């Protein structure tokens, strides 16, 4: 299990984009983590004093981001020292099915599993639930590590 301190150590994300609260279980090829959705998140600030129920649905792309961060914690663990100095990039996604909206007060449980790894590229699949009920299905997401210095912008040229 990883507490919030361990999650912060495993991911480069910070407020407001750190979207994993705790890892409940992590193994050689799988991970289970939680994200508690609260009304205090910045995406709800623009809603004003009387939002409708539909207005409070958690943004789908943030739900997917939270799931990919969960998979990213597993990827970093699997890569070990090879991840040092690397940047984790998520690429293609397929088979993404959203089964119902998420609302403040829901605790989302993400399940991600490694389907395949080739060199510095990994393929993950999984699902998310709320109270055991299906919320999100991820057919496949591809992730790769790339050298951080190769992704940095070139230094400005002197005149």
Protein backbone atom coordinates (compact mmCIF):
# COMPACT_ATOMS: atom_id res chain seq x y z
CA UNK A 1 0.00 0.00 0.00
CA UNK A 2 1.12 3.57 -0.71
CA UNK A 3 -0.19 6.48 1.32
CA UNK A 4 -0.47 9.99 -0.09
CA UNK A 5 3.24 10.52 0.66
CA UNK A 6 4.16 7.48 -1.44
CA UNK A 7 1.86 8.55 -4.27
CA UNK A 8 3.53 12.00 -4.34
CA UNK A 9 6.93 10.34 -4.46
CA UNK A 10 5.91 8.06 -7.34
CA UNK A 11 4.35 10.72 -9.61
CA UNK A 12 5.60 14.14 -10.75
CA UNK A 13 2.06 15.59 -10.66
CA UNK A 14 1.03 18.18 -8.08
CA UNK A 15 -2.11 20.19 -7.24
CA UNK A 16 -4.47 20.38 -9.00
CA UNK A 17 -3.45 17.51 -11.26
CA UNK A 18 -2.43 14.82 -8.76
CA UNK A 19 -5.46 12.54 -9.00
CA UNK A 20 -4.59 9.43 -7.02
CA UNK A 21 -5.14 9.55 -3.27
CA UNK A 22 -3.89 6.15 -2.16
CA UNK A 23 -2.69 2.83 -3.53
CA UNK A 24 -4.48 -0.08 -1.84
CA UNK A 25 -2.59 -2.89 -3.54
CA UNK A 26 0.31 -3.19 -5.95
CA UNK A 27 1.77 -6.37 -7.41
CA UNK A 28 4.05 -7.49 -10.21
CA UNK A 29 1.45 -6.83 -12.91
CA UNK A 30 -1.47 -5.03 -11.25
CA UNK A 31 -2.43 -2.10 -9.05
CA UNK A 32 -5.54 -0.97 -7.18
CA UNK A 33 -5.84 2.68 -6.13
CA UNK A 34 -8.49 5.17 -5.04
CA UNK A 35 -9.49 8.71 -5.93
CA UNK A 36 -12.02 10.48 -3.74
CA UNK A 37 -14.02 13.05 -5.69
CA UNK A 38 -14.84 16.11 -3.60
CA UNK A 39 -16.83 19.28 -4.18
CA UNK A 40 -13.72 21.25 -3.21
CA UNK A 41 -11.89 20.45 -6.47
CA UNK A 42 -11.00 23.37 -8.74
CA UNK A 43 -13.20 22.16 -11.65
CA UNK A 44 -16.29 22.90 -9.55
CA UNK A 45 -15.31 26.47 -8.61
CA UNK A 46 -16.87 28.00 -11.75
CA UNK A 47 -20.32 26.52 -11.06
CA UNK A 48 -21.64 29.17 -8.73
CA UNK A 49 -23.94 28.71 -5.72
CA UNK A 50 -26.71 26.54 -7.27
CA UNK A 51 -25.37 24.02 -9.79
CA UNK A 52 -27.65 21.36 -11.23
CA UNK A 53 -27.00 17.66 -10.73
CA UNK A 54 -25.59 17.26 -14.25
CA UNK A 55 -23.21 20.18 -13.65
CA UNK A 56 -21.59 18.24 -10.80
CA UNK A 57 -20.59 15.25 -12.93
CA UNK A 58 -16.82 14.83 -12.69
CA UNK A 59 -15.19 15.54 -16.08
CA UNK A 60 -14.64 12.30 -18.04
CA UNK A 61 -11.15 13.28 -19.17
CA UNK A 62 -10.10 13.77 -15.53
CA UNK A 63 -11.42 10.33 -14.64
CA UNK A 64 -9.28 8.85 -17.42
CA UNK A 65 -6.31 10.94 -16.24
CA UNK A 66 -6.74 9.57 -12.73
CA UNK A 67 -6.78 5.99 -14.07
CA UNK A 68 -3.65 6.61 -16.17
CA UNK A 69 -1.85 8.05 -13.14
CA UNK A 70 -2.66 4.81 -11.33
CA UNK A 71 -1.18 2.83 -14.23
CA UNK A 72 1.78 5.21 -14.19
CA UNK A 73 2.57 4.34 -10.57
CA UNK A 74 2.68 0.66 -11.57
CA UNK A 75 4.80 1.45 -14.65
CA UNK A 76 7.32 3.40 -12.57
CA UNK A 77 7.57 0.57 -10.09
CA UNK A 78 8.05 -2.00 -12.87
CA UNK A 79 10.70 0.12 -14.61
CA UNK A 80 12.65 0.58 -11.37
CA UNK A 81 15.96 2.41 -11.78
CA UNK A 82 15.47 2.48 -15.57
CA UNK A 83 12.81 5.19 -15.01
CA UNK A 84 15.37 7.62 -13.53
CA UNK A 85 15.76 10.63 -15.82
CA UNK A 86 12.89 9.40 -17.97
CA UNK A 87 9.57 11.06 -18.76
CA UNK A 88 6.46 8.91 -18.76
CA UNK A 89 4.25 9.50 -21.81
CA UNK A 90 0.81 8.06 -22.42
CA UNK A 91 -0.08 7.46 -26.04
CA UNK A 92 -2.95 5.68 -27.72
CA UNK A 93 -6.15 4.68 -25.97
CA UNK A 94 -8.79 2.26 -27.20
CA UNK A 95 -11.83 0.53 -25.82
CA UNK A 96 -12.69 3.36 -23.43
CA UNK A 97 -16.25 2.95 -22.10
CA UNK A 98 -17.81 5.28 -19.53
CA UNK A 99 -20.69 3.54 -17.78
CA UNK A 100 -22.03 6.33 -15.57
CA UNK A 101 -21.05 9.77 -14.25
CA UNK A 102 -19.06 10.32 -11.06
CA UNK A 103 -20.18 12.90 -8.52
CA UNK A 104 -18.69 14.59 -5.44
CA UNK A 105 -18.80 12.14 -2.56
CA UNK A 106 -17.93 9.14 -4.78
CA UNK A 107 -14.77 7.19 -4.08
CA UNK A 108 -13.45 5.77 -7.34
CA UNK A 109 -11.43 2.56 -7.21
CA UNK A 110 -9.07 2.12 -10.16
CA UNK A 111 -7.81 -1.30 -11.25
CA UNK A 112 -4.98 -1.39 -13.80
CA UNK A 113 -3.04 -4.37 -15.05
CA UNK A 114 -0.02 -4.73 -17.27
CA UNK A 115 -0.99 -6.56 -20.44
CA UNK A 116 2.35 -6.43 -22.22
CA UNK A 117 5.79 -4.79 -21.96
CA UNK A 118 8.35 -4.40 -24.74
CA UNK A 119 11.53 -2.51 -23.85
CA UNK A 120 10.41 0.93 -22.57
CA UNK A 121 6.80 0.63 -23.76
CA UNK A 122 3.95 -0.87 -21.73
CA UNK A 123 0.31 -1.64 -22.49
CA UNK A 124 -2.23 -1.46 -19.68
CA UNK A 125 -5.92 -2.36 -19.38
CA UNK A 126 -8.41 -2.22 -16.54
CA UNK A 127 -11.46 -0.64 -15.06
CA UNK A 128 -12.78 1.70 -12.41
CA UNK A 129 -15.66 1.18 -10.03
CA UNK A 130 -17.65 3.09 -7.42
CA UNK A 131 -19.01 0.92 -4.62
CA UNK A 132 -18.27 -2.15 -6.76
CA UNK A 133 -20.43 -0.89 -9.66
CA UNK A 134 -18.76 -0.45 -13.09
CA UNK A 135 -17.79 3.12 -13.89
CA UNK A 136 -15.07 3.01 -16.55
CA UNK A 137 -13.57 0.29 -18.74
CA UNK A 138 -10.13 0.77 -20.30
CA UNK A 139 -9.52 -1.65 -23.17
CA UNK A 140 -5.96 -0.56 -23.77
CA UNK A 141 -3.65 2.37 -23.06
CA UNK A 142 -0.07 2.54 -24.28
CA UNK A 143 2.64 4.15 -22.16
CA UNK A 144 6.32 4.70 -22.86
CA UNK A 145 9.33 6.11 -21.07
CA UNK A 146 11.51 8.56 -23.00
CA UNK A 147 14.72 10.36 -21.97
CA UNK A 148 13.84 13.63 -20.28
CA UNK A 149 16.72 15.53 -21.83
CA UNK A 150 15.62 14.50 -25.35
CA UNK A 151 12.22 16.10 -24.71
CA UNK A 152 13.54 19.40 -23.35
CA UNK A 153 13.29 22.42 -25.66
CA UNK A 154 16.55 23.45 -27.30
CA UNK A 155 18.57 26.11 -25.53
CA UNK A 156 18.19 29.60 -27.00
CA UNK A 157 20.90 30.53 -29.48
CA UNK A 158 23.08 33.52 -28.64
CA UNK A 159 23.20 36.46 -31.06
